[in-house]
């Protein structure tokens, strides 16, 4: 388990200890920049010391080189919102990839950022189609990931995941767009609807 916190904190070791004492953390590591890989042998809390001090978060993973990029608060986190800013070319590429993943219910996935960009691109196309079909297909994919690719599943499913996911697909504001993929996506939607 890991959790991004990213909260400013005083430059005081006792304050850090008090903060992490409420969490499943056995040691505290101080880093000067996000992106380093650090060997950890037990559950670890991370403090970023770079002019100001921030509690980055923690991980309960043990005995590995931990990539602190996983605690980057500016990384795209799966299933947190539906906003995105990409070029048309990237939109097309991510959309086609995501449709293929959902169509085949592909589980050999590793890149959470691309997975999420593709999800957000497909979401934009679906906003004027039948969202319930996309939601059900997403659930099928997540359930298959849980049984076939547990490592990736653990990266995307955090906290109140199912409630967040439900809200993303049921409480949204429609936006006009000029992407012309509706016919192609509808053909896939028809196929997915038949498979339910």
C-alpha atoms as a PDB file:
ATOM      1  CA  UNK A   1       0.000   0.000   0.000  1.00  0.00           C
ATOM      2  CA  UNK A   2       1.149   3.536  -0.653  1.00  0.00           C
ATOM      3  CA  UNK A   3      -0.368   6.933  -0.095  1.00  0.00           C
ATOM      4  CA  UNK A   4       0.474  10.377  -1.488  1.00  0.00           C
ATOM      5  CA  UNK A   5       0.027  13.074   1.156  1.00  0.00           C
ATOM      6  CA  UNK A   6       2.110  16.081   0.012  1.00  0.00           C
ATOM      7  CA  UNK A   7       1.634  18.352   2.972  1.00  0.00           C
ATOM      8  CA  UNK A   8       3.973  21.086   4.149  1.00  0.00           C
ATOM      9  CA  UNK A   9       5.532  20.383   7.536  1.00  0.00           C
ATOM     10  CA  UNK A  10       7.964  22.068   9.924  1.00  0.00           C
ATOM     11  CA  UNK A  11      11.674  21.348   9.756  1.00  0.00           C
ATOM     12  CA  UNK A  12      11.595  19.368  12.980  1.00  0.00           C
ATOM     13  CA  UNK A  13      12.252  15.627  13.363  1.00  0.00           C
ATOM     14  CA  UNK A  14       9.940  15.310  16.353  1.00  0.00           C
ATOM     15  CA  UNK A  15       7.065  16.800  14.317  1.00  0.00           C
ATOM     16  CA  UNK A  16       7.776  14.271  11.557  1.00  0.00           C
ATOM     17  CA  UNK A  17       7.784  11.391  14.051  1.00  0.00           C
ATOM     18  CA  UNK A  18       4.490  12.559  15.534  1.00  0.00           C
ATOM     19  CA  UNK A  19       2.928  12.888  12.070  1.00  0.00           C
ATOM     20  CA  UNK A  20       3.982   9.406  10.937  1.00  0.00           C
ATOM     21  CA  UNK A  21       3.189   7.756  14.285  1.00  0.00           C
ATOM     22  CA  UNK A  22      -0.487   7.563  13.228  1.00  0.00           C
ATOM     23  CA  UNK A  23       0.405   5.769   9.983  1.00  0.00           C
ATOM     24  CA  UNK A  24       1.765   2.257   9.256  1.00  0.00           C
ATOM     25  CA  UNK A  25       5.349   3.544   9.008  1.00  0.00           C
ATOM     26  CA  UNK A  26       8.461   2.037  10.622  1.00  0.00           C
ATOM     27  CA  UNK A  27      11.059   4.537   9.375  1.00  0.00           C
ATOM     28  CA  UNK A  28      11.330   8.000   7.828  1.00  0.00           C
ATOM     29  CA  UNK A  29      13.508   8.794   4.816  1.00  0.00           C
ATOM     30  CA  UNK A  30      14.456  12.351   3.901  1.00  0.00           C
ATOM     31  CA  UNK A  31      14.971  13.061   0.193  1.00  0.00           C
ATOM     32  CA  UNK A  32      16.022  16.264  -1.567  1.00  0.00           C
ATOM     33  CA  UNK A  33      14.130  15.607  -4.812  1.00  0.00           C
ATOM     34  CA  UNK A  34      11.349  13.419  -6.149  1.00  0.00           C
ATOM     35  CA  UNK A  35      12.528  10.855  -8.682  1.00  0.00           C
ATOM     36  CA  UNK A  36      15.255   9.048  -6.774  1.00  0.00           C
ATOM     37  CA  UNK A  37      15.181   5.313  -6.252  1.00  0.00           C
ATOM     38  CA  UNK A  38      15.909   4.418  -2.648  1.00  0.00           C
ATOM     39  CA  UNK A  39      16.432   1.030  -1.022  1.00  0.00           C
ATOM     40  CA  UNK A  40      13.882   0.444   1.725  1.00  0.00           C
ATOM     41  CA  UNK A  41      13.680  -2.622   3.932  1.00  0.00           C
ATOM     42  CA  UNK A  42      10.532  -1.716   5.863  1.00  0.00           C
ATOM     43  CA  UNK A  43       7.424   0.484   5.726  1.00  0.00           C
ATOM     44  CA  UNK A  44       8.699   3.991   5.041  1.00  0.00           C
ATOM     45  CA  UNK A  45       7.460   7.567   5.275  1.00  0.00           C
ATOM     46  CA  UNK A  46       9.065  10.158   2.998  1.00  0.00           C
ATOM     47  CA  UNK A  47       9.877  13.782   3.743  1.00  0.00           C
ATOM     48  CA  UNK A  48      10.952  16.099   0.920  1.00  0.00           C
ATOM     49  CA  UNK A  49      13.579  18.583   2.116  1.00  0.00           C
ATOM     50  CA  UNK A  50      14.090  21.225  -0.554  1.00  0.00           C
ATOM     51  CA  UNK A  51      13.967  24.798   0.831  1.00  0.00           C
ATOM     52  CA  UNK A  52      10.633  23.922   2.438  1.00  0.00           C
ATOM     53  CA  UNK A  53       9.687  20.582   3.963  1.00  0.00           C
ATOM     54  CA  UNK A  54       6.837  18.367   2.816  1.00  0.00           C
ATOM     55  CA  UNK A  55       5.482  15.015   3.906  1.00  0.00           C
ATOM     56  CA  UNK A  56       5.330  13.271   0.529  1.00  0.00           C
ATOM     57  CA  UNK A  57       3.564  10.144   1.707  1.00  0.00           C
ATOM     58  CA  UNK A  58       4.415   6.589   2.632  1.00  0.00           C
ATOM     59  CA  UNK A  59       4.627   3.018   1.415  1.00  0.00           C
ATOM     60  CA  UNK A  60       4.244  -0.251   3.276  1.00  0.00           C
ATOM     61  CA  UNK A  61       6.338  -2.075   0.662  1.00  0.00           C
ATOM     62  CA  UNK A  62       9.571  -3.663   1.895  1.00  0.00           C
ATOM     63  CA  UNK A  63      12.932  -4.898   0.605  1.00  0.00           C
ATOM     64  CA  UNK A  64      13.069  -3.110  -2.729  1.00  0.00           C
ATOM     65  CA  UNK A  65      14.379  -0.060  -4.542  1.00  0.00           C
ATOM     66  CA  UNK A  66      11.449   2.322  -4.225  1.00  0.00           C
ATOM     67  CA  UNK A  67      10.858   4.862  -7.006  1.00  0.00           C
ATOM     68  CA  UNK A  68       9.879   8.120  -5.273  1.00  0.00           C
ATOM     69  CA  UNK A  69       8.205   9.271  -8.513  1.00  0.00           C
ATOM     70  CA  UNK A  70       5.277   7.201  -7.265  1.00  0.00           C
ATOM     71  CA  UNK A  71       4.712   9.919  -4.639  1.00  0.00           C
ATOM     72  CA  UNK A  72       4.732  12.788  -7.131  1.00  0.00           C
ATOM     73  CA  UNK A  73       1.572  14.797  -6.400  1.00  0.00           C
ATOM     74  CA  UNK A  74       1.544  16.167  -9.947  1.00  0.00           C
ATOM     75  CA  UNK A  75       1.479  12.779 -11.624  1.00  0.00           C
ATOM     76  CA  UNK A  76      -1.768  11.735 -13.287  1.00  0.00           C
ATOM     77  CA  UNK A  77      -3.481   9.472 -10.786  1.00  0.00           C
ATOM     78  CA  UNK A  78      -5.948   6.924 -12.145  1.00  0.00           C
ATOM     79  CA  UNK A  79      -9.660   7.542 -11.606  1.00  0.00           C
ATOM     80  CA  UNK A  80      -9.329  10.891  -9.820  1.00  0.00           C
ATOM     81  CA  UNK A  81     -10.963  13.192 -12.389  1.00  0.00           C
ATOM     82  CA  UNK A  82     -11.793  13.438 -16.088  1.00  0.00           C
ATOM     83  CA  UNK A  83      -9.706  16.439 -17.112  1.00  0.00           C
ATOM     84  CA  UNK A  84      -6.819  16.180 -19.545  1.00  0.00           C
ATOM     85  CA  UNK A  85      -4.666  18.329 -21.785  1.00  0.00           C
ATOM     86  CA  UNK A  86      -3.123  16.504 -24.735  1.00  0.00           C
ATOM     87  CA  UNK A  87      -2.407  17.168 -28.384  1.00  0.00           C
ATOM     88  CA  UNK A  88      -4.774  15.853 -31.084  1.00  0.00           C
ATOM     89  CA  UNK A  89      -2.195  13.280 -32.083  1.00  0.00           C
ATOM     90  CA  UNK A  90      -1.818  12.021 -28.517  1.00  0.00           C
ATOM     91  CA  UNK A  91      -5.603  12.040 -28.119  1.00  0.00           C
ATOM     92  CA  UNK A  92      -6.029   9.800 -31.161  1.00  0.00           C
ATOM     93  CA  UNK A  93      -3.250   7.419 -30.141  1.00  0.00           C
ATOM     94  CA  UNK A  94      -4.409   7.147 -26.506  1.00  0.00           C
ATOM     95  CA  UNK A  95      -8.055   6.752 -27.515  1.00  0.00           C
ATOM     96  CA  UNK A  96      -7.386   3.929 -29.996  1.00  0.00           C
ATOM     97  CA  UNK A  97      -5.124   2.168 -27.499  1.00  0.00           C
ATOM     98  CA  UNK A  98      -7.737   2.423 -24.743  1.00  0.00           C
ATOM     99  CA  UNK A  99     -10.540   1.131 -26.966  1.00  0.00           C
ATOM    100  CA  UNK A 100      -8.336  -1.848 -27.845  1.00  0.00           C
ATOM    101  CA  UNK A 101      -7.604  -2.511 -24.147  1.00  0.00           C
ATOM    102  CA  UNK A 102     -11.308  -2.465 -23.296  1.00  0.00           C
ATOM    103  CA  UNK A 103     -12.271  -4.455 -26.373  1.00  0.00           C
ATOM    104  CA  UNK A 104      -9.857  -7.286 -25.542  1.00  0.00           C
ATOM    105  CA  UNK A 105     -10.016  -6.716 -21.761  1.00  0.00           C
ATOM    106  CA  UNK A 106      -6.226  -6.628 -21.924  1.00  0.00           C
ATOM    107  CA  UNK A 107      -4.480  -7.227 -18.597  1.00  0.00           C
ATOM    108  CA  UNK A 108      -0.804  -6.995 -19.546  1.00  0.00           C
ATOM    109  CA  UNK A 109      -0.582  -3.345 -18.557  1.00  0.00           C
ATOM    110  CA  UNK A 110       2.253  -1.492 -16.830  1.00  0.00           C
ATOM    111  CA  UNK A 111       1.993   2.263 -17.506  1.00  0.00           C
ATOM    112  CA  UNK A 112      -0.608   3.828 -15.186  1.00  0.00           C
ATOM    113  CA  UNK A 113      -0.161   7.302 -16.700  1.00  0.00           C
ATOM    114  CA  UNK A 114      -0.940   6.159 -20.265  1.00  0.00           C
ATOM    115  CA  UNK A 115      -3.761   3.964 -18.940  1.00  0.00           C
ATOM    116  CA  UNK A 116      -5.344   7.015 -17.333  1.00  0.00           C
ATOM    117  CA  UNK A 117      -4.793   9.351 -20.293  1.00  0.00           C
ATOM    118  CA  UNK A 118      -6.497   6.784 -22.532  1.00  0.00           C
ATOM    119  CA  UNK A 119      -9.394   6.481 -20.084  1.00  0.00           C
ATOM    120  CA  UNK A 120      -9.918  10.244 -20.023  1.00  0.00           C
ATOM    121  CA  UNK A 121      -9.780  10.495 -23.824  1.00  0.00           C
ATOM    122  CA  UNK A 122     -12.360   7.731 -24.226  1.00  0.00           C
ATOM    123  CA  UNK A 123     -14.518   9.355 -21.557  1.00  0.00           C
ATOM    124  CA  UNK A 124     -14.692  12.534 -23.665  1.00  0.00           C
ATOM    125  CA  UNK A 125     -16.034  10.606 -26.653  1.00  0.00           C
ATOM    126  CA  UNK A 126     -18.568   8.783 -24.494  1.00  0.00           C
ATOM    127  CA  UNK A 127     -20.016  11.915 -22.977  1.00  0.00           C
ATOM    128  CA  UNK A 128     -22.594  12.026 -25.749  1.00  0.00           C
ATOM    129  CA  UNK A 129     -23.074   8.235 -25.924  1.00  0.00           C
ATOM    130  CA  UNK A 130     -24.297   5.628 -23.439  1.00  0.00           C
ATOM    131  CA  UNK A 131     -22.090   6.125 -20.377  1.00  0.00           C
ATOM    132  CA  UNK A 132     -23.512   3.104 -18.516  1.00  0.00           C
ATOM    133  CA  UNK A 133     -22.009   0.724 -21.100  1.00  0.00           C
ATOM    134  CA  UNK A 134     -18.572   2.298 -20.730  1.00  0.00           C
ATOM    135  CA  UNK A 135     -18.850   2.173 -16.936  1.00  0.00           C
ATOM    136  CA  UNK A 136     -19.746  -1.542 -16.988  1.00  0.00           C
ATOM    137  CA  UNK A 137     -16.894  -2.304 -19.381  1.00  0.00           C
ATOM    138  CA  UNK A 138     -14.441  -0.417 -17.136  1.00  0.00           C
ATOM    139  CA  UNK A 139     -15.653  -2.484 -14.170  1.00  0.00           C
ATOM    140  CA  UNK A 140     -15.082  -5.689 -16.150  1.00  0.00           C
ATOM    141  CA  UNK A 141     -11.540  -4.577 -16.944  1.00  0.00           C
ATOM    142  CA  UNK A 142     -10.771  -3.658 -13.333  1.00  0.00           C
ATOM    143  CA  UNK A 143     -12.118  -6.999 -12.065  1.00  0.00           C
ATOM    144  CA  UNK A 144     -10.027  -8.886 -14.614  1.00  0.00           C
ATOM    145  CA  UNK A 145      -6.951  -6.873 -13.618  1.00  0.00           C
ATOM    146  CA  UNK A 146      -7.569  -7.837  -9.990  1.00  0.00           C
ATOM    147  CA  UNK A 147      -7.284 -11.528 -10.821  1.00  0.00           C
ATOM    148  CA  UNK A 148      -4.721 -11.412 -13.659  1.00  0.00           C
ATOM    149  CA  UNK A 149      -2.410  -8.455 -12.923  1.00  0.00           C
ATOM    150  CA  UNK A 150      -2.546  -7.765  -9.195  1.00  0.00           C
ATOM    151  CA  UNK A 151       0.505  -5.486  -9.266  1.00  0.00           C
ATOM    152  CA  UNK A 152      -1.118  -3.092 -11.759  1.00  0.00           C
ATOM    153  CA  UNK A 153      -4.489  -3.371  -9.997  1.00  0.00           C
ATOM    154  CA  UNK A 154      -2.869  -2.237  -6.722  1.00  0.00           C
ATOM    155  CA  UNK A 155      -1.414   0.821  -8.487  1.00  0.00           C
ATOM    156  CA  UNK A 156      -4.786   2.056  -9.733  1.00  0.00           C
ATOM    157  CA  UNK A 157      -7.142   0.997  -6.940  1.00  0.00           C
ATOM    158  CA  UNK A 158      -6.616   3.171  -3.874  1.00  0.00           C
ATOM    159  CA  UNK A 159      -8.861   4.514  -1.126  1.00  0.00           C
ATOM    160  CA  UNK A 160     -12.582   4.687  -1.878  1.00  0.00           C
ATOM    161  CA  UNK A 161     -11.887   3.614  -5.462  1.00  0.00           C
ATOM    162  CA  UNK A 162     -15.268   2.164  -6.448  1.00  0.00           C
ATOM    163  CA  UNK A 163     -17.188   5.194  -5.165  1.00  0.00           C
ATOM    164  CA  UNK A 164     -14.789   7.553  -7.002  1.00  0.00           C
ATOM    165  CA  UNK A 165     -15.113   5.542 -10.180  1.00  0.00           C
ATOM    166  CA  UNK A 166     -18.904   5.466  -9.945  1.00  0.00           C
ATOM    167  CA  UNK A 167     -18.999   9.249  -9.426  1.00  0.00           C
ATOM    168  CA  UNK A 168     -16.717   9.870 -12.413  1.00  0.00           C
ATOM    169  CA  UNK A 169     -19.081   8.002 -14.703  1.00  0.00           C
ATOM    170  CA  UNK A 170     -22.372   9.218 -13.255  1.00  0.00           C
ATOM    171  CA  UNK A 171     -21.818  12.798 -12.051  1.00  0.00           C
ATOM    172  CA  UNK A 172     -20.253  14.692 -14.912  1.00  0.00           C
ATOM    173  CA  UNK A 173     -20.880  17.823 -16.925  1.00  0.00           C
ATOM    174  CA  UNK A 174     -21.315  17.377 -20.661  1.00  0.00           C
ATOM    175  CA  UNK A 175     -18.864  19.312 -22.821  1.00  0.00           C
ATOM    176  CA  UNK A 176     -19.088  19.937 -26.541  1.00  0.00           C
ATOM    177  CA  UNK A 177     -16.102  18.689 -28.519  1.00  0.00           C
ATOM    178  CA  UNK A 178     -15.112  18.364 -32.146  1.00  0.00           C
ATOM    179  CA  UNK A 179     -13.699  14.844 -32.060  1.00  0.00           C
ATOM    180  CA  UNK A 180     -15.248  12.633 -34.735  1.00  0.00           C
ATOM    181  CA  UNK A 181     -15.015   9.140 -33.279  1.00  0.00           C
ATOM    182  CA  UNK A 182     -18.620   8.547 -32.280  1.00  0.00           C
ATOM    183  CA  UNK A 183     -19.477   6.054 -35.054  1.00  0.00           C
ATOM    184  CA  UNK A 184     -16.386   3.956 -34.400  1.00  0.00           C
ATOM    185  CA  UNK A 185     -16.937   3.964 -30.644  1.00  0.00           C
ATOM    186  CA  UNK A 186     -20.634   3.144 -31.056  1.00  0.00           C
ATOM    187  CA  UNK A 187     -19.729   0.021 -33.042  1.00  0.00           C
ATOM    188  CA  UNK A 188     -17.563  -1.134 -30.126  1.00  0.00           C
ATOM    189  CA  UNK A 189     -20.269  -0.176 -27.642  1.00  0.00           C
ATOM    190  CA  UNK A 190     -22.770  -2.361 -29.473  1.00  0.00           C
ATOM    191  CA  UNK A 191     -20.339  -5.284 -29.287  1.00  0.00           C
ATOM    192  CA  UNK A 192     -19.677  -4.731 -25.542  1.00  0.00           C
ATOM    193  CA  UNK A 193     -23.390  -4.472 -24.829  1.00  0.00           C
ATOM    194  CA  UNK A 194     -23.923  -7.877 -26.465  1.00  0.00           C
ATOM    195  CA  UNK A 195     -21.165  -9.424 -24.303  1.00  0.00           C
ATOM    196  CA  UNK A 196     -22.736  -8.390 -20.994  1.00  0.00           C
END
